Amino acid sequence: MIILKLAAAIALTATMLPAADTLLRAGLVPESKIVLKVQPEYPPDAQDARIQGIVRVAVIVGKDGHVQDARLVSGHPLLAPAALQAVKKWVFDPFMRDGKPVRATAEVEVPFALPAGQ
């Protein structure tokens, strides 16, 4: 009897909870999906050391296209903070599922290259 009451309570609770906000997994974001791309400031220490390369950042993009979270995937430690700071300001075309905007997880690449002759 107690088990039946417990099962009924669990079933009732499950119907009252909102559906899980699942994330669309988008992979590497194409440039065409980026509406606003803030360029990172090249860190002076990285410039002095002549460090170049690509920083890869995982982002969670909200339904409105704004970055909700950004985390380092790979890249040089002197370049990573500047890349993360810039990417958090990026805006994307909202990701869609069944014609409706959804939250998405994706990756972006932030290149750092020194000007020729430096």
N, C-alpha and C. Protein backbone atom coordinates (compact mmCIF):
# COMPACT_ATOMS: atom_id res chain seq x y z
N MET A 1 0.82 -1.19 0.00
CA MET A 1 0.00 0.00 0.00
C MET A 1 0.87 1.26 0.00
N ILE A 2 1.89 1.28 0.85
CA ILE A 2 2.78 2.43 0.93
C ILE A 2 3.49 2.63 -0.40
N ILE A 3 3.85 1.53 -1.03
CA ILE A 3 4.55 1.61 -2.32
C ILE A 3 3.63 2.24 -3.37
N LEU A 4 2.36 1.89 -3.38
CA LEU A 4 1.42 2.47 -4.33
C LEU A 4 1.25 3.97 -4.10
N LYS A 5 1.17 4.38 -2.84
CA LYS A 5 1.04 5.82 -2.53
C LYS A 5 2.30 6.57 -2.96
N LEU A 6 3.44 5.95 -2.69
CA LEU A 6 4.70 6.57 -3.08
C LEU A 6 4.81 6.70 -4.61
N ALA A 7 4.42 5.66 -5.32
CA ALA A 7 4.45 5.70 -6.79
C ALA A 7 3.50 6.77 -7.32
N ALA A 8 2.34 6.90 -6.73
CA ALA A 8 1.38 7.91 -7.16
C ALA A 8 1.93 9.32 -6.89
N ALA A 9 2.58 9.51 -5.75
CA ALA A 9 3.15 10.82 -5.43
C ALA A 9 4.27 11.17 -6.40
N ILE A 10 5.10 10.20 -6.73
CA ILE A 10 6.19 10.44 -7.69
C ILE A 10 5.62 10.77 -9.07
N ALA A 11 4.62 10.05 -9.50
CA ALA A 11 4.00 10.31 -10.80
C ALA A 11 3.39 11.70 -10.85
N LEU A 12 2.72 12.11 -9.77
CA LEU A 12 2.10 13.43 -9.72
C LEU A 12 3.17 14.53 -9.75
N THR A 13 4.25 14.33 -9.01
CA THR A 13 5.35 15.30 -8.98
C THR A 13 5.98 15.42 -10.36
N ALA A 14 6.16 14.31 -11.03
CA ALA A 14 6.78 14.32 -12.36
C ALA A 14 5.94 15.10 -13.36
N THR A 15 4.63 15.04 -13.25
CA THR A 15 3.79 15.78 -14.19
C THR A 15 3.78 17.27 -13.88
N MET A 16 4.12 17.65 -12.66
CA MET A 16 4.11 19.05 -12.28
C MET A 16 5.43 19.76 -12.59
N LEU A 17 6.51 19.00 -12.77
CA LEU A 17 7.81 19.60 -13.06
C LEU A 17 7.86 20.06 -14.51
N PRO A 18 8.53 21.19 -14.79
CA PRO A 18 8.66 21.62 -16.18
C PRO A 18 9.57 20.66 -16.94
N ALA A 19 9.36 20.59 -18.23
CA ALA A 19 10.22 19.75 -19.06
C ALA A 19 11.65 20.24 -18.98
N ALA A 20 12.56 19.31 -19.00
CA ALA A 20 13.98 19.67 -18.93
C ALA A 20 14.35 20.54 -20.12
N ASP A 21 15.13 21.57 -19.84
CA ASP A 21 15.58 22.49 -20.88
C ASP A 21 16.81 21.88 -21.54
N THR A 22 16.58 21.01 -22.50
CA THR A 22 17.70 20.32 -23.14
C THR A 22 18.43 21.27 -24.08
N LEU A 23 19.73 21.03 -24.20
CA LEU A 23 20.57 21.86 -25.06
C LEU A 23 20.73 21.20 -26.41
N LEU A 24 20.61 22.01 -27.45
CA LEU A 24 20.93 21.55 -28.79
C LEU A 24 22.44 21.53 -28.90
N ARG A 25 23.01 20.48 -29.40
CA ARG A 25 24.46 20.39 -29.59
C ARG A 25 24.77 20.79 -31.03
N ALA A 26 25.44 21.94 -31.18
CA ALA A 26 25.62 22.51 -32.51
C ALA A 26 27.00 22.29 -33.11
N GLY A 27 27.99 21.87 -32.35
CA GLY A 27 29.33 21.68 -32.90
C GLY A 27 30.02 23.02 -33.12
N LEU A 28 30.93 23.07 -34.08
CA LEU A 28 31.67 24.29 -34.37
C LEU A 28 30.76 25.27 -35.11
N VAL A 29 30.66 26.48 -34.60
CA VAL A 29 29.75 27.49 -35.16
C VAL A 29 30.36 28.13 -36.40
N PRO A 30 29.61 28.17 -37.51
CA PRO A 30 30.11 28.88 -38.69
C PRO A 30 30.05 30.39 -38.49
N GLU A 31 30.95 31.09 -39.15
CA GLU A 31 31.00 32.57 -39.05
C GLU A 31 29.64 33.21 -39.35
N SER A 32 28.90 32.64 -40.29
CA SER A 32 27.62 33.22 -40.70
C SER A 32 26.59 33.23 -39.56
N LYS A 33 26.79 32.44 -38.53
CA LYS A 33 25.86 32.37 -37.40
C LYS A 33 26.15 33.44 -36.35
N ILE A 34 27.31 34.10 -36.46
CA ILE A 34 27.72 35.11 -35.49
C ILE A 34 27.21 36.48 -35.93
N VAL A 35 26.36 37.09 -35.12
CA VAL A 35 25.77 38.40 -35.42
C VAL A 35 26.70 39.52 -34.96
N LEU A 36 27.26 39.38 -33.77
CA LEU A 36 28.17 40.36 -33.20
C LEU A 36 29.40 39.62 -32.70
N LYS A 37 30.56 40.00 -33.23
CA LYS A 37 31.81 39.33 -32.87
C LYS A 37 32.77 40.37 -32.32
N VAL A 38 32.95 40.38 -31.02
CA VAL A 38 33.89 41.29 -30.36
C VAL A 38 35.29 40.69 -30.49
N GLN A 39 36.21 41.47 -31.02
CA GLN A 39 37.59 41.00 -31.17
C GLN A 39 38.32 41.09 -29.83
N PRO A 40 39.08 40.06 -29.50
CA PRO A 40 39.81 40.11 -28.23
C PRO A 40 41.00 41.06 -28.31
N GLU A 41 41.38 41.61 -27.17
CA GLU A 41 42.60 42.41 -27.11
C GLU A 41 43.77 41.43 -27.00
N TYR A 42 44.77 41.64 -27.83
CA TYR A 42 45.94 40.76 -27.82
C TYR A 42 46.70 41.03 -26.51
N PRO A 43 46.87 40.01 -25.67
CA PRO A 43 47.58 40.23 -24.41
C PRO A 43 49.02 40.68 -24.66
N PRO A 44 49.47 41.75 -24.01
CA PRO A 44 50.83 42.25 -24.22
C PRO A 44 51.91 41.18 -23.95
N ASP A 45 51.73 40.37 -22.91
CA ASP A 45 52.70 39.32 -22.62
C ASP A 45 52.80 38.32 -23.76
N ALA A 46 51.65 38.00 -24.37
CA ALA A 46 51.64 37.06 -25.51
C ALA A 46 52.29 37.71 -26.73
N GLN A 47 52.05 39.00 -26.92
CA GLN A 47 52.70 39.71 -28.03
C GLN A 47 54.20 39.73 -27.84
N ASP A 48 54.65 40.08 -26.64
CA ASP A 48 56.08 40.14 -26.37
C ASP A 48 56.76 38.79 -26.59
N ALA A 49 56.04 37.71 -26.24
CA ALA A 49 56.59 36.37 -26.40
C ALA A 49 56.33 35.81 -27.81
N ARG A 50 55.68 36.63 -28.66
CA ARG A 50 55.36 36.25 -30.04
C ARG A 50 54.51 34.98 -30.12
N ILE A 51 53.56 34.87 -29.21
CA ILE A 51 52.67 33.71 -29.16
C ILE A 51 51.48 33.97 -30.05
N GLN A 52 51.19 33.02 -30.92
CA GLN A 52 50.05 33.06 -31.82
C GLN A 52 49.31 31.73 -31.70
N GLY A 53 48.11 31.69 -32.24
CA GLY A 53 47.39 30.43 -32.26
C GLY A 53 45.90 30.62 -32.16
N ILE A 54 45.23 29.50 -32.06
CA ILE A 54 43.76 29.48 -31.99
C ILE A 54 43.35 29.04 -30.59
N VAL A 55 42.40 29.77 -30.02
CA VAL A 55 41.80 29.37 -28.76
C VAL A 55 40.41 28.85 -29.08
N ARG A 56 40.12 27.65 -28.62
CA ARG A 56 38.80 27.06 -28.84
C ARG A 56 38.00 27.19 -27.55
N VAL A 57 36.77 27.71 -27.69
CA VAL A 57 35.91 28.00 -26.54
C VAL A 57 34.56 27.31 -26.72
N ALA A 58 34.11 26.64 -25.67
CA ALA A 58 32.76 26.06 -25.65
C ALA A 58 31.82 27.11 -25.07
N VAL A 59 30.70 27.33 -25.75
CA VAL A 59 29.73 28.32 -25.31
C VAL A 59 28.36 27.69 -25.14
N ILE A 60 27.60 28.28 -24.24
CA ILE A 60 26.17 27.98 -24.17
C ILE A 60 25.48 29.25 -24.63
N VAL A 61 24.68 29.12 -25.67
CA VAL A 61 23.98 30.25 -26.28
C VAL A 61 22.51 30.16 -25.89
N GLY A 62 22.00 31.26 -25.34
CA GLY A 62 20.60 31.31 -24.93
C GLY A 62 19.65 31.41 -26.10
N LYS A 63 18.39 31.30 -25.81
CA LYS A 63 17.35 31.39 -26.85
C LYS A 63 17.39 32.73 -27.58
N ASP A 64 17.91 33.76 -26.91
CA ASP A 64 18.00 35.10 -27.51
C ASP A 64 19.29 35.32 -28.30
N GLY A 65 20.18 34.29 -28.33
CA GLY A 65 21.41 34.40 -29.08
C GLY A 65 22.60 34.91 -28.28
N HIS A 66 22.38 35.32 -27.03
CA HIS A 66 23.48 35.82 -26.19
C HIS A 66 24.18 34.66 -25.48
N VAL A 67 25.48 34.83 -25.27
CA VAL A 67 26.28 33.80 -24.61
C VAL A 67 25.94 33.80 -23.12
N GLN A 68 25.55 32.62 -22.63
CA GLN A 68 25.24 32.47 -21.21
C GLN A 68 26.44 31.94 -20.42
N ASP A 69 27.31 31.21 -21.10
CA ASP A 69 28.49 30.66 -20.45
C ASP A 69 29.55 30.39 -21.50
N ALA A 70 30.81 30.54 -21.12
CA ALA A 70 31.93 30.27 -22.01
C ALA A 70 33.03 29.59 -21.21
N ARG A 71 33.58 28.52 -21.77
CA ARG A 71 34.64 27.77 -21.09
C ARG A 71 35.72 27.41 -22.08
N LEU A 72 36.95 27.42 -21.61
CA LEU A 72 38.09 27.09 -22.44
C LEU A 72 38.09 25.60 -22.79
N VAL A 73 38.28 25.32 -24.08
CA VAL A 73 38.45 23.95 -24.55
C VAL A 73 39.93 23.69 -24.79
N SER A 74 40.56 24.61 -25.53
CA SER A 74 42.00 24.48 -25.79
C SER A 74 42.56 25.83 -26.21
N GLY A 75 43.87 25.95 -26.07
CA GLY A 75 44.53 27.18 -26.48
C GLY A 75 45.62 27.56 -25.50
N HIS A 76 46.48 28.46 -25.93
CA HIS A 76 47.60 28.88 -25.10
C HIS A 76 47.09 29.63 -23.86
N PRO A 77 47.67 29.33 -22.69
CA PRO A 77 47.22 29.98 -21.45
C PRO A 77 47.33 31.51 -21.45
N LEU A 78 48.26 32.08 -22.20
CA LEU A 78 48.36 33.54 -22.24
C LEU A 78 47.27 34.16 -23.13
N LEU A 79 46.72 33.38 -24.05
CA LEU A 79 45.69 33.89 -24.97
C LEU A 79 44.27 33.62 -24.46
N ALA A 80 44.12 32.57 -23.67
CA ALA A 80 42.80 32.11 -23.26
C ALA A 80 41.95 33.16 -22.54
N PRO A 81 42.46 33.88 -21.54
CA PRO A 81 41.60 34.85 -20.85
C PRO A 81 41.03 35.92 -21.78
N ALA A 82 41.83 36.41 -22.72
CA ALA A 82 41.34 37.43 -23.66
C ALA A 82 40.26 36.85 -24.56
N ALA A 83 40.45 35.61 -25.00
CA ALA A 83 39.45 34.96 -25.86
C ALA A 83 38.14 34.77 -25.11
N LEU A 84 38.22 34.29 -23.88
CA LEU A 84 37.00 34.08 -23.09
C LEU A 84 36.25 35.39 -22.84
N GLN A 85 36.99 36.42 -22.51
CA GLN A 85 36.38 37.72 -22.24
C GLN A 85 35.65 38.24 -23.49
N ALA A 86 36.25 38.09 -24.65
CA ALA A 86 35.63 38.57 -25.89
C ALA A 86 34.40 37.73 -26.26
N VAL A 87 34.54 36.41 -26.19
CA VAL A 87 33.46 35.52 -26.62
C VAL A 87 32.21 35.71 -25.78
N LYS A 88 32.37 36.04 -24.52
CA LYS A 88 31.20 36.27 -23.65
C LYS A 88 30.35 37.44 -24.13
N LYS A 89 30.90 38.29 -24.99
CA LYS A 89 30.17 39.44 -25.53
C LYS A 89 29.58 39.16 -26.92
N TRP A 90 29.87 38.00 -27.49
CA TRP A 90 29.37 37.67 -28.82
C TRP A 90 27.86 37.45 -28.78
N VAL A 91 27.23 37.66 -29.94
CA VAL A 91 25.81 37.39 -30.11
C VAL A 91 25.64 36.55 -31.37
N PHE A 92 24.78 35.56 -31.29
CA PHE A 92 24.55 34.62 -32.38
C PHE A 92 23.11 34.71 -32.87
N ASP A 93 22.90 34.31 -34.12
CA ASP A 93 21.53 34.05 -34.56
C ASP A 93 21.03 32.92 -33.67
N PRO A 94 19.84 33.03 -33.11
CA PRO A 94 19.37 31.95 -32.24
C PRO A 94 19.38 30.60 -32.96
N PHE A 95 19.71 29.58 -32.21
CA PHE A 95 19.66 28.22 -32.74
C PHE A 95 18.21 27.77 -32.69
N MET A 96 17.79 27.02 -33.70
CA MET A 96 16.39 26.65 -33.83
C MET A 96 16.21 25.14 -33.80
N ARG A 97 15.09 24.73 -33.21
CA ARG A 97 14.66 23.33 -33.25
C ARG A 97 13.16 23.37 -33.46
N ASP A 98 12.70 22.72 -34.52
CA ASP A 98 11.28 22.70 -34.86
C ASP A 98 10.70 24.10 -35.00
N GLY A 99 11.51 25.02 -35.55
CA GLY A 99 11.05 26.38 -35.80
C GLY A 99 11.03 27.28 -34.58
N LYS A 100 11.53 26.80 -33.45
CA LYS A 100 11.52 27.60 -32.22
C LYS A 100 12.96 27.78 -31.72
N PRO A 101 13.27 28.97 -31.17
CA PRO A 101 14.62 29.18 -30.64
C PRO A 101 14.86 28.30 -29.41
N VAL A 102 16.07 27.75 -29.33
CA VAL A 102 16.44 26.89 -28.20
C VAL A 102 17.83 27.26 -27.71
N ARG A 103 18.13 26.87 -26.48
CA ARG A 103 19.49 27.01 -25.96
C ARG A 103 20.36 25.98 -26.67
N ALA A 104 21.61 26.35 -26.87
CA ALA A 104 22.51 25.44 -27.59
C ALA A 104 23.90 25.49 -26.99
N THR A 105 24.59 24.39 -27.12
CA THR A 105 26.00 24.34 -26.77
C THR A 105 26.77 24.18 -28.07
N ALA A 106 27.85 24.93 -28.18
CA ALA A 106 28.62 24.94 -29.43
C ALA A 106 30.05 25.32 -29.11
N GLU A 107 30.90 25.28 -30.12
CA GLU A 107 32.28 25.71 -29.96
C GLU A 107 32.61 26.77 -31.00
N VAL A 108 33.47 27.70 -30.59
CA VAL A 108 33.95 28.74 -31.49
C VAL A 108 35.46 28.77 -31.41
N GLU A 109 36.07 29.27 -32.47
CA GLU A 109 37.52 29.42 -32.51
C GLU A 109 37.87 30.90 -32.57
N VAL A 110 38.83 31.28 -31.75
CA VAL A 110 39.29 32.66 -31.69
C VAL A 110 40.76 32.67 -32.10
N PRO A 111 41.05 33.17 -33.32
CA PRO A 111 42.45 33.18 -33.77
C PRO A 111 43.21 34.40 -33.24
N PHE A 112 44.45 34.17 -32.92
CA PHE A 112 45.36 35.25 -32.53
C PHE A 112 46.56 35.18 -33.49
N ALA A 113 46.77 36.25 -34.25
CA ALA A 113 47.90 36.31 -35.18
C ALA A 113 48.55 37.68 -35.06
N LEU A 114 49.85 37.66 -34.97
CA LEU A 114 50.60 38.92 -34.93
C LEU A 114 50.64 39.55 -36.31
N PRO A 115 50.58 40.87 -36.40
CA PRO A 115 50.69 41.53 -37.70
C PRO A 115 52.02 41.17 -38.36
N ALA A 116 52.00 41.10 -39.67
CA ALA A 116 53.23 40.79 -40.42
C ALA A 116 54.28 41.84 -40.08
N GLY A 117 55.52 41.39 -39.92
CA GLY A 117 56.61 42.31 -39.64
C GLY A 117 56.82 42.60 -38.17
N GLN A 118 56.03 41.96 -37.29
CA GLN A 118 56.23 42.20 -35.84
C GLN A 118 57.01 41.07 -35.24
